N, C-alpha and C. Protein backbone atom coordinates (compact mmCIF):
# COMPACT_ATOMS: atom_id res chain seq x y z
N MET A 1 0.82 -1.19 0.00
CA MET A 1 0.00 0.00 0.00
C MET A 1 0.87 1.26 0.00
N ALA A 2 1.49 1.55 -1.12
CA ALA A 2 2.20 2.81 -1.31
C ALA A 2 1.53 3.52 -2.48
N GLU A 3 1.23 4.79 -2.31
CA GLU A 3 0.46 5.45 -3.36
C GLU A 3 0.57 6.96 -3.23
N ASN A 4 0.23 7.66 -4.32
CA ASN A 4 0.04 9.09 -4.22
C ASN A 4 -1.19 9.31 -3.34
N SER A 5 -1.30 10.49 -2.76
CA SER A 5 -2.34 10.69 -1.76
C SER A 5 -3.15 11.94 -2.03
N GLY A 6 -4.44 11.85 -1.70
CA GLY A 6 -5.31 13.01 -1.74
C GLY A 6 -5.31 13.77 -0.43
N ILE A 7 -4.59 13.27 0.57
CA ILE A 7 -4.49 13.95 1.86
C ILE A 7 -3.69 15.24 1.67
N SER A 8 -4.23 16.35 2.13
CA SER A 8 -3.65 17.65 1.80
C SER A 8 -2.26 17.88 2.37
N TRP A 9 -1.92 17.20 3.47
CA TRP A 9 -0.65 17.49 4.12
C TRP A 9 0.45 16.49 3.76
N THR A 10 0.20 15.61 2.80
CA THR A 10 1.23 14.69 2.37
C THR A 10 1.17 14.52 0.86
N ASP A 11 2.22 13.94 0.30
CA ASP A 11 2.26 13.67 -1.14
C ASP A 11 2.09 12.19 -1.44
N HIS A 12 2.54 11.34 -0.54
CA HIS A 12 2.43 9.90 -0.70
C HIS A 12 2.06 9.27 0.64
N THR A 13 1.49 8.08 0.59
CA THR A 13 1.36 7.26 1.80
C THR A 13 2.11 5.96 1.56
N PHE A 14 2.69 5.45 2.64
CA PHE A 14 3.41 4.18 2.56
C PHE A 14 3.08 3.35 3.80
N ASN A 15 2.66 2.12 3.55
CA ASN A 15 2.38 1.18 4.64
C ASN A 15 3.34 0.01 4.55
N PRO A 16 4.27 -0.10 5.51
CA PRO A 16 5.17 -1.24 5.49
C PRO A 16 4.48 -2.54 5.83
N TRP A 17 3.38 -2.42 6.56
CA TRP A 17 2.52 -3.56 6.88
C TRP A 17 1.11 -3.04 7.10
N LEU A 18 0.17 -3.96 7.24
CA LEU A 18 -1.24 -3.61 7.39
C LEU A 18 -1.77 -4.21 8.69
N GLY A 19 -2.66 -3.47 9.34
CA GLY A 19 -3.31 -3.96 10.54
C GLY A 19 -2.92 -3.17 11.77
N CYS A 20 -3.83 -3.15 12.75
CA CYS A 20 -3.60 -2.37 13.96
C CYS A 20 -4.60 -2.82 15.02
N THR A 21 -4.61 -2.13 16.15
CA THR A 21 -5.57 -2.36 17.22
C THR A 21 -6.06 -1.00 17.71
N ASN A 22 -7.35 -0.86 17.91
CA ASN A 22 -7.90 0.40 18.41
C ASN A 22 -7.44 0.62 19.85
N VAL A 23 -7.00 1.86 20.15
CA VAL A 23 -6.44 2.13 21.47
C VAL A 23 -7.07 3.33 22.17
N GLY A 24 -8.07 3.96 21.58
CA GLY A 24 -8.66 5.12 22.23
C GLY A 24 -9.85 5.64 21.46
N PRO A 25 -10.46 6.71 21.97
CA PRO A 25 -11.68 7.25 21.33
C PRO A 25 -11.45 7.73 19.91
N GLY A 26 -10.22 8.12 19.57
CA GLY A 26 -9.94 8.55 18.21
C GLY A 26 -10.00 7.42 17.21
N CYS A 27 -10.03 6.18 17.71
CA CYS A 27 -10.08 5.00 16.83
C CYS A 27 -11.51 4.59 16.49
N ASP A 28 -12.50 5.18 17.15
CA ASP A 28 -13.88 4.87 16.79
C ASP A 28 -14.13 5.25 15.34
N HIS A 29 -14.86 4.42 14.62
CA HIS A 29 -15.17 4.68 13.21
C HIS A 29 -13.90 4.77 12.36
N CYS A 30 -12.90 3.97 12.69
CA CYS A 30 -11.60 4.05 12.01
C CYS A 30 -11.72 3.68 10.53
N TYR A 31 -11.32 4.59 9.65
CA TYR A 31 -11.37 4.32 8.22
C TYR A 31 -10.43 3.19 7.85
N ALA A 32 -9.27 3.12 8.52
CA ALA A 32 -8.28 2.10 8.19
C ALA A 32 -8.80 0.70 8.52
N GLU A 33 -9.46 0.57 9.66
CA GLU A 33 -10.00 -0.75 10.04
C GLU A 33 -10.99 -1.24 9.00
N LYS A 34 -11.89 -0.37 8.57
CA LYS A 34 -12.89 -0.76 7.58
C LYS A 34 -12.24 -1.15 6.26
N LEU A 35 -11.27 -0.37 5.82
CA LEU A 35 -10.61 -0.65 4.55
C LEU A 35 -9.81 -1.95 4.62
N VAL A 36 -9.04 -2.11 5.67
CA VAL A 36 -8.17 -3.27 5.79
C VAL A 36 -8.96 -4.56 5.92
N THR A 37 -10.02 -4.53 6.71
CA THR A 37 -10.77 -5.77 6.95
C THR A 37 -11.73 -6.12 5.82
N THR A 38 -12.41 -5.14 5.26
CA THR A 38 -13.43 -5.44 4.26
C THR A 38 -12.88 -5.54 2.84
N ARG A 39 -11.91 -4.71 2.50
CA ARG A 39 -11.40 -4.70 1.12
C ARG A 39 -10.13 -5.51 0.94
N LEU A 40 -9.31 -5.57 2.02
CA LEU A 40 -8.01 -6.21 1.87
C LEU A 40 -7.94 -7.55 2.60
N GLY A 41 -8.97 -7.86 3.39
CA GLY A 41 -9.03 -9.16 4.04
C GLY A 41 -7.97 -9.39 5.10
N VAL A 42 -7.54 -8.31 5.75
CA VAL A 42 -6.53 -8.41 6.81
C VAL A 42 -7.23 -8.29 8.16
N GLY A 43 -6.78 -9.05 9.14
CA GLY A 43 -7.37 -8.99 10.47
C GLY A 43 -7.04 -7.69 11.18
N TRP A 44 -7.80 -7.42 12.22
CA TRP A 44 -7.64 -6.18 12.98
C TRP A 44 -7.84 -6.51 14.45
N GLY A 45 -7.09 -5.84 15.31
CA GLY A 45 -7.28 -5.99 16.73
C GLY A 45 -6.23 -6.86 17.40
N PRO A 46 -6.35 -7.05 18.71
CA PRO A 46 -5.35 -7.83 19.45
C PRO A 46 -5.26 -9.26 18.93
N GLY A 47 -4.05 -9.71 18.69
CA GLY A 47 -3.83 -11.07 18.25
C GLY A 47 -4.01 -11.30 16.77
N ALA A 48 -4.55 -10.33 16.05
CA ALA A 48 -4.72 -10.48 14.60
C ALA A 48 -3.38 -10.28 13.92
N PRO A 49 -2.93 -11.22 13.10
CA PRO A 49 -1.62 -11.08 12.45
C PRO A 49 -1.56 -9.84 11.56
N ARG A 50 -0.49 -9.07 11.66
CA ARG A 50 -0.25 -7.96 10.75
C ARG A 50 0.31 -8.55 9.45
N ARG A 51 0.00 -7.91 8.35
CA ARG A 51 0.45 -8.42 7.05
C ARG A 51 1.47 -7.45 6.46
N ARG A 52 2.68 -7.94 6.25
CA ARG A 52 3.72 -7.11 5.64
C ARG A 52 3.40 -6.91 4.16
N THR A 53 3.64 -5.71 3.66
CA THR A 53 3.37 -5.44 2.25
C THR A 53 4.51 -5.98 1.38
N LYS A 54 4.23 -6.10 0.09
CA LYS A 54 5.13 -6.79 -0.83
C LYS A 54 6.36 -5.94 -1.17
N PRO A 55 7.45 -6.59 -1.60
CA PRO A 55 8.67 -5.86 -1.95
C PRO A 55 8.45 -4.77 -2.99
N GLY A 56 7.54 -5.01 -3.94
CA GLY A 56 7.26 -4.00 -4.95
C GLY A 56 6.71 -2.72 -4.35
N ASN A 57 5.98 -2.86 -3.26
CA ASN A 57 5.45 -1.70 -2.56
C ASN A 57 6.58 -0.87 -1.97
N TRP A 58 7.55 -1.54 -1.37
CA TRP A 58 8.71 -0.86 -0.80
C TRP A 58 9.56 -0.22 -1.91
N ALA A 59 9.62 -0.86 -3.07
CA ALA A 59 10.42 -0.33 -4.18
C ALA A 59 9.89 1.02 -4.66
N LYS A 60 8.58 1.25 -4.52
CA LYS A 60 8.02 2.54 -4.93
C LYS A 60 8.63 3.69 -4.13
N VAL A 61 8.93 3.43 -2.86
CA VAL A 61 9.53 4.48 -2.04
C VAL A 61 10.90 4.88 -2.59
N ARG A 62 11.66 3.91 -3.00
CA ARG A 62 12.98 4.20 -3.58
C ARG A 62 12.83 4.98 -4.89
N LYS A 63 11.78 4.68 -5.63
CA LYS A 63 11.51 5.43 -6.88
C LYS A 63 11.19 6.89 -6.54
N TRP A 64 10.36 7.12 -5.52
CA TRP A 64 10.06 8.49 -5.11
C TRP A 64 11.35 9.22 -4.74
N HIS A 65 12.26 8.50 -4.10
CA HIS A 65 13.52 9.14 -3.70
C HIS A 65 14.37 9.48 -4.92
N ARG A 66 14.42 8.59 -5.90
CA ARG A 66 15.20 8.88 -7.11
C ARG A 66 14.64 10.09 -7.84
N GLU A 67 13.35 10.30 -7.75
CA GLU A 67 12.69 11.40 -8.45
C GLU A 67 12.51 12.64 -7.57
N ALA A 68 13.10 12.63 -6.38
CA ALA A 68 12.84 13.69 -5.40
C ALA A 68 13.29 15.07 -5.86
N ASP A 69 14.42 15.15 -6.55
CA ASP A 69 14.89 16.46 -7.00
C ASP A 69 13.95 17.05 -8.04
N ALA A 70 13.47 16.22 -8.94
CA ALA A 70 12.52 16.70 -9.96
C ALA A 70 11.22 17.12 -9.29
N PHE A 71 10.80 16.35 -8.27
CA PHE A 71 9.57 16.70 -7.54
C PHE A 71 9.74 18.06 -6.87
N LYS A 72 10.88 18.29 -6.24
CA LYS A 72 11.11 19.56 -5.56
C LYS A 72 11.12 20.72 -6.55
N ALA A 73 11.72 20.51 -7.70
CA ALA A 73 11.76 21.57 -8.70
C ALA A 73 10.36 21.97 -9.13
N GLN A 74 9.45 21.01 -9.15
CA GLN A 74 8.07 21.29 -9.57
C GLN A 74 7.21 21.83 -8.45
N HIS A 75 7.39 21.32 -7.22
CA HIS A 75 6.47 21.63 -6.11
C HIS A 75 7.07 22.52 -5.03
N GLY A 76 8.39 22.73 -5.08
CA GLY A 76 9.00 23.62 -4.10
C GLY A 76 9.41 22.96 -2.80
N HIS A 77 9.21 21.66 -2.69
CA HIS A 77 9.63 20.94 -1.49
C HIS A 77 9.85 19.48 -1.86
N TYR A 78 10.63 18.79 -1.04
CA TYR A 78 10.83 17.37 -1.27
C TYR A 78 9.56 16.60 -0.92
N PRO A 79 9.37 15.41 -1.50
CA PRO A 79 8.12 14.66 -1.26
C PRO A 79 7.92 14.33 0.21
N ARG A 80 6.68 14.50 0.66
CA ARG A 80 6.29 14.14 2.02
C ARG A 80 5.61 12.77 1.98
N VAL A 81 5.99 11.90 2.90
CA VAL A 81 5.47 10.54 2.92
C VAL A 81 4.85 10.27 4.28
N PHE A 82 3.57 9.96 4.30
CA PHE A 82 2.83 9.63 5.51
C PHE A 82 2.97 8.14 5.78
N ALA A 83 3.55 7.81 6.94
CA ALA A 83 3.68 6.41 7.36
C ALA A 83 3.10 6.27 8.78
N ALA A 84 2.19 5.39 8.99
CA ALA A 84 1.56 4.47 8.06
C ALA A 84 0.06 4.71 8.17
N SER A 85 -0.60 4.86 7.05
CA SER A 85 -2.01 5.23 7.07
C SER A 85 -2.93 4.08 7.46
N LEU A 86 -2.44 2.84 7.34
CA LEU A 86 -3.27 1.66 7.64
C LEU A 86 -2.63 0.79 8.71
N ALA A 87 -1.81 1.41 9.54
CA ALA A 87 -1.10 0.68 10.59
C ALA A 87 -0.54 1.71 11.57
N ASP A 88 0.29 1.24 12.50
CA ASP A 88 1.01 2.12 13.42
C ASP A 88 2.42 1.58 13.55
N ILE A 89 3.42 2.40 13.25
CA ILE A 89 4.80 1.95 13.27
C ILE A 89 5.17 1.41 14.65
N PHE A 90 4.57 1.95 15.70
CA PHE A 90 4.95 1.56 17.06
C PHE A 90 3.93 0.63 17.72
N ASP A 91 3.26 -0.16 16.90
CA ASP A 91 2.32 -1.18 17.34
C ASP A 91 3.07 -2.27 18.10
N ASN A 92 2.58 -2.64 19.29
CA ASN A 92 3.21 -3.69 20.11
C ASN A 92 3.26 -5.03 19.40
N GLU A 93 2.33 -5.28 18.50
CA GLU A 93 2.19 -6.61 17.91
C GLU A 93 2.92 -6.75 16.58
N VAL A 94 3.83 -5.82 16.32
CA VAL A 94 4.65 -5.89 15.10
C VAL A 94 6.05 -6.34 15.47
N ASP A 95 6.58 -7.28 14.72
CA ASP A 95 7.94 -7.78 14.93
C ASP A 95 8.94 -6.63 14.81
N GLN A 96 9.86 -6.53 15.76
CA GLN A 96 10.85 -5.45 15.72
C GLN A 96 11.70 -5.50 14.45
N ALA A 97 11.90 -6.69 13.89
CA ALA A 97 12.67 -6.80 12.65
C ALA A 97 11.97 -6.05 11.52
N TRP A 98 10.64 -6.09 11.49
CA TRP A 98 9.91 -5.31 10.48
C TRP A 98 10.16 -3.82 10.68
N ARG A 99 10.13 -3.40 11.95
CA ARG A 99 10.34 -1.98 12.24
C ARG A 99 11.76 -1.57 11.85
N ASP A 100 12.73 -2.43 12.12
CA ASP A 100 14.11 -2.13 11.74
C ASP A 100 14.24 -1.97 10.23
N ASP A 101 13.53 -2.82 9.47
CA ASP A 101 13.55 -2.69 8.01
C ASP A 101 12.94 -1.37 7.57
N PHE A 102 11.87 -0.97 8.24
CA PHE A 102 11.23 0.29 7.90
C PHE A 102 12.18 1.46 8.13
N PHE A 103 12.82 1.49 9.30
CA PHE A 103 13.71 2.61 9.60
C PHE A 103 14.94 2.60 8.70
N ALA A 104 15.37 1.42 8.27
CA ALA A 104 16.48 1.36 7.31
C ALA A 104 16.07 2.02 6.00
N LEU A 105 14.82 1.83 5.59
CA LEU A 105 14.31 2.47 4.38
C LEU A 105 14.24 3.98 4.55
N VAL A 106 13.79 4.42 5.71
CA VAL A 106 13.73 5.86 5.99
C VAL A 106 15.12 6.48 5.89
N LYS A 107 16.10 5.80 6.46
CA LYS A 107 17.47 6.32 6.43
C LYS A 107 18.05 6.28 5.02
N GLU A 108 17.62 5.31 4.23
CA GLU A 108 18.10 5.16 2.85
C GLU A 108 17.55 6.24 1.92
N THR A 109 16.48 6.93 2.35
CA THR A 109 15.79 7.90 1.50
C THR A 109 15.79 9.29 2.15
N PRO A 110 16.95 9.92 2.32
CA PRO A 110 17.03 11.17 3.08
C PRO A 110 16.33 12.36 2.44
N LYS A 111 16.04 12.27 1.14
CA LYS A 111 15.35 13.39 0.49
C LYS A 111 13.84 13.32 0.65
N LEU A 112 13.33 12.22 1.16
CA LEU A 112 11.90 12.13 1.47
C LEU A 112 11.67 12.68 2.87
N GLN A 113 10.59 13.44 3.02
CA GLN A 113 10.21 13.97 4.33
C GLN A 113 9.18 13.02 4.94
N TRP A 114 9.61 12.23 5.89
CA TRP A 114 8.76 11.19 6.48
C TRP A 114 7.92 11.77 7.62
N LEU A 115 6.61 11.54 7.53
CA LEU A 115 5.66 11.97 8.56
C LEU A 115 5.16 10.69 9.25
N ILE A 116 5.75 10.39 10.40
CA ILE A 116 5.39 9.17 11.13
C ILE A 116 4.36 9.53 12.18
N VAL A 117 3.13 9.04 12.01
CA VAL A 117 2.02 9.37 12.89
C VAL A 117 1.72 8.15 13.77
N THR A 118 1.67 8.37 15.09
CA THR A 118 1.42 7.27 16.01
C THR A 118 0.44 7.65 17.10
N LYS A 119 -0.31 6.68 17.56
CA LYS A 119 -1.15 6.82 18.75
C LYS A 119 -0.49 6.18 19.96
N ARG A 120 0.78 5.78 19.80
CA ARG A 120 1.45 5.01 20.85
C ARG A 120 2.77 5.67 21.26
N ILE A 121 2.73 6.93 21.66
CA ILE A 121 3.95 7.64 22.00
C ILE A 121 4.69 6.96 23.15
N GLY A 122 3.98 6.27 24.02
CA GLY A 122 4.62 5.58 25.13
C GLY A 122 5.53 4.45 24.70
N ASN A 123 5.35 3.95 23.48
CA ASN A 123 6.18 2.86 22.96
C ASN A 123 7.42 3.35 22.22
N VAL A 124 7.44 4.60 21.84
CA VAL A 124 8.38 5.05 20.82
C VAL A 124 9.84 4.87 21.24
N LYS A 125 10.20 5.35 22.43
CA LYS A 125 11.61 5.32 22.83
C LYS A 125 12.20 3.92 22.74
N LYS A 126 11.45 2.93 23.21
CA LYS A 126 12.00 1.58 23.25
C LYS A 126 12.01 0.89 21.90
N MET A 127 11.36 1.49 20.90
CA MET A 127 11.27 0.87 19.59
C MET A 127 12.05 1.61 18.51
N LEU A 128 12.73 2.68 18.86
CA LEU A 128 13.52 3.43 17.89
C LEU A 128 14.78 2.67 17.52
N PRO A 129 15.33 2.89 16.33
CA PRO A 129 16.57 2.21 15.93
C PRO A 129 17.74 2.68 16.78
N ALA A 130 18.76 1.85 16.87
CA ALA A 130 19.91 2.12 17.73
C ALA A 130 20.65 3.40 17.33
N ASP A 131 20.61 3.76 16.05
CA ASP A 131 21.34 4.94 15.58
C ASP A 131 20.46 6.18 15.48
N TRP A 132 19.31 6.16 16.13
CA TRP A 132 18.36 7.27 16.06
C TRP A 132 18.96 8.56 16.61
N GLY A 133 19.69 8.48 17.72
CA GLY A 133 20.30 9.67 18.32
C GLY A 133 19.26 10.70 18.72
N THR A 134 19.40 11.91 18.19
CA THR A 134 18.41 12.96 18.44
C THR A 134 17.31 12.97 17.38
N GLY A 135 17.29 11.92 16.57
CA GLY A 135 16.28 11.81 15.52
C GLY A 135 16.87 11.90 14.14
N TYR A 136 16.23 11.25 13.17
CA TYR A 136 16.64 11.39 11.77
C TYR A 136 16.16 12.76 11.27
N SER A 137 16.99 13.41 10.49
CA SER A 137 16.67 14.77 10.03
C SER A 137 15.50 14.81 9.07
N ASN A 138 15.16 13.67 8.45
CA ASN A 138 14.06 13.66 7.48
C ASN A 138 12.76 13.11 8.06
N VAL A 139 12.64 13.10 9.39
CA VAL A 139 11.44 12.56 10.04
C VAL A 139 10.77 13.61 10.91
N VAL A 140 9.45 13.72 10.76
CA VAL A 140 8.62 14.46 11.71
C VAL A 140 7.85 13.41 12.52
N LEU A 141 8.08 13.37 13.83
CA LEU A 141 7.37 12.44 14.70
C LEU A 141 6.08 13.10 15.17
N ILE A 142 4.95 12.53 14.77
CA ILE A 142 3.64 13.13 15.01
C ILE A 142 2.80 12.20 15.87
N ILE A 143 2.17 12.75 16.91
CA ILE A 143 1.27 11.94 17.74
C ILE A 143 -0.16 12.41 17.55
N THR A 144 -1.09 11.48 17.70
CA THR A 144 -2.51 11.80 17.62
C THR A 144 -3.04 12.17 19.01
N VAL A 145 -3.65 13.32 19.13
CA VAL A 145 -4.34 13.73 20.36
C VAL A 145 -5.71 14.26 19.95
N VAL A 146 -6.77 13.61 20.40
CA VAL A 146 -8.11 13.95 19.91
C VAL A 146 -8.94 14.75 20.90
N ASN A 147 -8.44 14.89 22.14
CA ASN A 147 -9.17 15.65 23.16
C ASN A 147 -8.15 16.20 24.15
N GLN A 148 -8.62 16.99 25.10
CA GLN A 148 -7.71 17.64 26.04
C GLN A 148 -6.98 16.63 26.91
N ALA A 149 -7.69 15.58 27.32
CA ALA A 149 -7.06 14.58 28.19
C ALA A 149 -5.87 13.93 27.49
N GLU A 150 -6.03 13.58 26.20
CA GLU A 150 -4.91 12.98 25.47
C GLU A 150 -3.78 13.98 25.28
N ALA A 151 -4.12 15.22 25.00
CA ALA A 151 -3.10 16.25 24.82
C ALA A 151 -2.27 16.41 26.09
N ASP A 152 -2.95 16.50 27.23
CA ASP A 152 -2.25 16.71 28.50
C ASP A 152 -1.42 15.49 28.89
N ARG A 153 -1.89 14.32 28.51
CA ARG A 153 -1.17 13.07 28.85
C ARG A 153 0.02 12.83 27.93
N ASP A 154 -0.16 13.07 26.62
CA ASP A 154 0.81 12.58 25.64
C ASP A 154 1.80 13.61 25.11
N ILE A 155 1.44 14.90 25.10
CA ILE A 155 2.38 15.90 24.59
C ILE A 155 3.65 15.95 25.43
N PRO A 156 3.58 15.89 26.77
CA PRO A 156 4.84 15.83 27.53
C PRO A 156 5.70 14.63 27.15
N LYS A 157 5.07 13.49 26.85
CA LYS A 157 5.83 12.31 26.41
C LYS A 157 6.50 12.57 25.07
N LEU A 158 5.81 13.28 24.19
CA LEU A 158 6.40 13.62 22.90
C LEU A 158 7.63 14.49 23.09
N PHE A 159 7.55 15.48 23.97
CA PHE A 159 8.69 16.36 24.20
C PHE A 159 9.87 15.62 24.83
N GLU A 160 9.58 14.54 25.54
CA GLU A 160 10.65 13.76 26.17
C GLU A 160 11.28 12.76 25.19
N THR A 161 10.70 12.64 24.00
CA THR A 161 11.19 11.68 23.01
C THR A 161 12.09 12.40 22.01
N PRO A 162 13.30 11.89 21.77
CA PRO A 162 14.20 12.57 20.83
C PRO A 162 13.62 12.60 19.43
N ALA A 163 13.63 13.77 18.82
CA ALA A 163 13.15 13.95 17.45
C ALA A 163 13.65 15.28 16.94
N GLN A 164 14.01 15.33 15.66
CA GLN A 164 14.42 16.58 15.04
C GLN A 164 13.23 17.52 14.86
N ARG A 165 12.09 16.92 14.52
CA ARG A 165 10.86 17.70 14.36
C ARG A 165 9.70 16.90 14.93
N ARG A 166 8.74 17.63 15.49
CA ARG A 166 7.60 16.98 16.14
C ARG A 166 6.30 17.60 15.66
N GLY A 167 5.21 16.84 15.76
CA GLY A 167 3.93 17.36 15.34
C GLY A 167 2.78 16.72 16.10
N LEU A 168 1.60 17.30 15.90
CA LEU A 168 0.37 16.80 16.51
C LEU A 168 -0.66 16.58 15.42
N SER A 169 -1.36 15.47 15.50
CA SER A 169 -2.53 15.24 14.66
C SER A 169 -3.76 15.30 15.56
N VAL A 170 -4.45 16.42 15.52
CA VAL A 170 -5.66 16.60 16.33
C VAL A 170 -6.84 16.22 15.44
N GLU A 171 -6.91 14.93 15.15
CA GLU A 171 -7.86 14.44 14.15
C GLU A 171 -8.20 12.99 14.43
N PRO A 172 -9.48 12.67 14.67
CA PRO A 172 -10.61 13.61 14.69
C PRO A 172 -10.64 14.40 16.00
N MET A 173 -10.87 15.69 15.88
CA MET A 173 -10.98 16.52 17.08
C MET A 173 -12.34 16.25 17.72
N LEU A 174 -12.33 15.63 18.89
CA LEU A 174 -13.56 15.24 19.55
C LEU A 174 -14.05 16.26 20.57
N GLY A 175 -13.36 17.36 20.67
CA GLY A 175 -13.74 18.42 21.60
C GLY A 175 -12.67 19.49 21.59
N PRO A 176 -12.88 20.58 22.34
CA PRO A 176 -11.87 21.65 22.38
C PRO A 176 -10.53 21.12 22.89
N VAL A 177 -9.45 21.55 22.26
CA VAL A 177 -8.11 21.17 22.69
C VAL A 177 -7.28 22.46 22.79
N ASP A 178 -6.88 22.80 24.01
CA ASP A 178 -6.09 24.00 24.27
C ASP A 178 -4.62 23.59 24.35
N LEU A 179 -3.82 24.09 23.43
CA LEU A 179 -2.40 23.73 23.37
C LEU A 179 -1.49 24.80 23.96
N CYS A 180 -2.06 25.88 24.47
CA CYS A 180 -1.25 27.02 24.88
C CYS A 180 -0.18 26.64 25.89
N GLU A 181 -0.57 25.93 26.94
CA GLU A 181 0.40 25.58 27.98
C GLU A 181 1.52 24.72 27.41
N HIS A 182 1.16 23.78 26.54
CA HIS A 182 2.16 22.87 25.98
C HIS A 182 3.10 23.58 25.01
N LEU A 183 2.61 24.64 24.39
CA LEU A 183 3.43 25.38 23.43
C LEU A 183 4.13 26.57 24.07
N GLY A 184 3.96 26.72 25.40
CA GLY A 184 4.61 27.82 26.08
C GLY A 184 4.03 29.17 25.72
N MET A 185 2.71 29.21 25.50
CA MET A 185 2.06 30.45 25.09
C MET A 185 0.96 30.82 26.09
N TRP A 186 0.61 32.09 26.12
CA TRP A 186 -0.55 32.52 26.88
C TRP A 186 -1.24 33.63 26.13
N TRP A 187 -2.54 33.78 26.39
CA TRP A 187 -3.34 34.79 25.68
C TRP A 187 -3.31 36.10 26.44
N ASN A 188 -2.78 37.13 25.80
CA ASN A 188 -2.75 38.47 26.37
C ASN A 188 -4.02 39.19 25.93
N SER A 189 -4.99 39.27 26.83
CA SER A 189 -6.29 39.84 26.45
C SER A 189 -6.18 41.33 26.15
N THR A 190 -5.20 42.01 26.76
CA THR A 190 -5.01 43.44 26.49
C THR A 190 -4.52 43.66 25.06
N MET A 191 -3.54 42.83 24.66
CA MET A 191 -2.97 42.95 23.33
C MET A 191 -3.81 42.23 22.27
N GLY A 192 -4.65 41.30 22.72
CA GLY A 192 -5.42 40.51 21.77
C GLY A 192 -4.56 39.59 20.94
N ALA A 193 -3.54 39.02 21.60
CA ALA A 193 -2.60 38.17 20.87
C ALA A 193 -1.95 37.18 21.84
N PHE A 194 -1.40 36.11 21.27
CA PHE A 194 -0.65 35.15 22.07
C PHE A 194 0.76 35.67 22.30
N GLU A 195 1.31 35.37 23.48
CA GLU A 195 2.67 35.73 23.80
C GLU A 195 3.41 34.52 24.35
N SER A 196 4.72 34.51 24.17
CA SER A 196 5.55 33.42 24.65
C SER A 196 5.75 33.52 26.15
N VAL A 197 5.77 32.36 26.81
CA VAL A 197 6.05 32.32 28.23
C VAL A 197 7.55 32.48 28.48
N GLY A 198 8.34 32.42 27.44
CA GLY A 198 9.78 32.62 27.56
C GLY A 198 10.50 31.35 27.91
N ALA A 199 11.21 31.35 29.03
CA ALA A 199 12.05 30.22 29.39
C ALA A 199 11.26 28.94 29.54
N ARG A 200 9.98 29.06 29.90
CA ARG A 200 9.16 27.86 30.08
C ARG A 200 9.01 27.06 28.80
N MET A 201 9.24 27.69 27.66
CA MET A 201 8.97 27.03 26.38
C MET A 201 9.80 25.78 26.18
N ASN A 202 11.01 25.74 26.72
CA ASN A 202 11.89 24.60 26.47
C ASN A 202 11.95 23.62 27.63
N THR A 203 11.18 23.85 28.68
CA THR A 203 11.22 22.97 29.84
C THR A 203 10.80 21.56 29.45
N GLY A 204 11.73 20.63 29.59
CA GLY A 204 11.41 19.23 29.32
C GLY A 204 11.15 18.92 27.86
N ARG A 205 11.60 19.75 26.95
CA ARG A 205 11.21 19.57 25.56
C ARG A 205 12.34 19.08 24.66
N GLY A 206 13.39 18.57 25.24
CA GLY A 206 14.44 18.01 24.39
C GLY A 206 15.03 19.08 23.49
N ASN A 207 14.98 18.86 22.17
CA ASN A 207 15.67 19.75 21.25
C ASN A 207 14.71 20.55 20.37
N GLY A 208 13.52 20.83 20.86
CA GLY A 208 12.63 21.66 20.05
C GLY A 208 11.20 21.61 20.51
N GLY A 209 10.32 22.30 19.79
CA GLY A 209 8.92 22.36 20.14
C GLY A 209 8.06 21.59 19.16
N ILE A 210 6.96 22.21 18.74
CA ILE A 210 6.02 21.59 17.81
C ILE A 210 6.15 22.27 16.46
N ASP A 211 6.36 21.47 15.41
CA ASP A 211 6.54 22.01 14.07
C ASP A 211 5.29 21.88 13.20
N TRP A 212 4.46 20.88 13.49
CA TRP A 212 3.26 20.63 12.70
C TRP A 212 2.06 20.48 13.63
N VAL A 213 0.91 21.00 13.21
CA VAL A 213 -0.37 20.67 13.85
C VAL A 213 -1.38 20.42 12.74
N ILE A 214 -1.89 19.19 12.71
CA ILE A 214 -2.90 18.79 11.73
C ILE A 214 -4.23 18.74 12.47
N THR A 215 -5.27 19.32 11.90
CA THR A 215 -6.58 19.29 12.56
C THR A 215 -7.64 18.79 11.59
N GLY A 216 -8.65 18.17 12.15
CA GLY A 216 -9.76 17.69 11.34
C GLY A 216 -10.90 17.24 12.24
N GLY A 217 -12.12 17.43 11.78
CA GLY A 217 -13.28 17.02 12.55
C GLY A 217 -13.68 15.59 12.26
N ARG A 218 -14.72 15.16 12.94
CA ARG A 218 -15.26 13.82 12.72
C ARG A 218 -16.51 13.94 11.86
N ALA A 219 -16.58 13.16 10.81
CA ALA A 219 -17.77 13.20 9.95
C ALA A 219 -18.98 12.68 10.70
N PRO A 220 -20.15 13.26 10.49
CA PRO A 220 -21.36 12.77 11.16
C PRO A 220 -21.65 11.33 10.77
N SER A 221 -22.07 10.53 11.75
CA SER A 221 -22.35 9.11 11.49
C SER A 221 -23.73 8.96 10.87
């Protein structure tokens, strides 16, 4: 499952494997579960075997990398690749060898801008490759937070995780989510604008703040 994408914030999607388990309210009505189970015949949930995608699928990523300079000349940026739209890279039920293969591909394609989206930030540190260091320069580590409780619980974990760039996917947004405290900002009602808290901005945040915020609502059922 590697393809061009209609998603506005990426250019391609790549799935090294298929399948996942629902872990929170943001997983209700999951489009990936419906697609994987009904159209692709892959199991879903605890104990359901994940299915690795075929070598030809992985080869497409290398093709995108070979064509990356031409893509940038046309679009003004290197190709963005969303991983994984039908899985989670940090799924507990995925063999670490598969994950190692995935990260080897990411490292092999430095001109691709990898957008790794996970609902499992608590797993990330223990599942990163040995040479991760402060993060690969071509990766944005993005976590899903769909409500205030998830934001307050998981954003501090994201800041404690080494990454060159970080992001939030507030999708589906299931209620108001105030990010001001996490971004080191406060609302100055006199000025009618946000202001930086200053030194507080980097407290516990490793080597940076938030570079991306993706938002989206939930379609009516």
